[in-house]
Amino acid sequence: MNLFKYFSNRSLKRIFFGSLGPPPKSELDPVLQPPTAQEEKDAAYGYDVVVEFSEGYIHENWYFNGLRHRSHGPAYTQYDADTRDILDTSYYELGKLHRNDGPAVRYTRDHTTREEYYFEGALHREDGPSVYEVDPRTGEAREERFHLKGVEIEQDALPRLDIEEIK
């Protein structure tokens, strides 16, 4: 694995590891381009960001105080190294999968798109399935599961349950 971009602890740095040296300019665009103004601002607040290449993928990881965390976007993003298409995104808040306004985990593999909804580290969704897998070519659902506060429930029980009663 070669690490190509890193910034941390109130100082912005660019470090190139491995025997290959700096990647060609074409590999820096659009994923590994120079830090944006938002990235520079995040570095000043103590975020650590690591972007690395491995086996045809680019991984972007955001950390705050050693925990995966990002308040304005996904804390983990995986890109296809050739096409730069986004394959995976995961939203974390202080080390726990969490997102208020959509799926905390979304990935696409082998003609399958999967979304998982988390609240404070537990599978949770009040208005639909917490785990949803669909074939994007046909739109056919392959899997639907329902959870409240990490407890799996039947779909027809979703509107009847008092969420505060779920442990």
Foldseek 3Di string as FASTA:
>chain_A
DWWFAKAFQQDGDTDTDDPVPHDPPVLCPPPNPPDDPVRNVVRNVTKMWIWDDDDQKIKIAIDHPRAGADDPAFRIWIAGSPPRHTFKGAHDHRRAGADDPAFRIWGDDDQKIWGAHDHRRAGADLPAFRIWMARVVVRHTPDGWHDQRNHTDDPVCRVVDDSVVPD
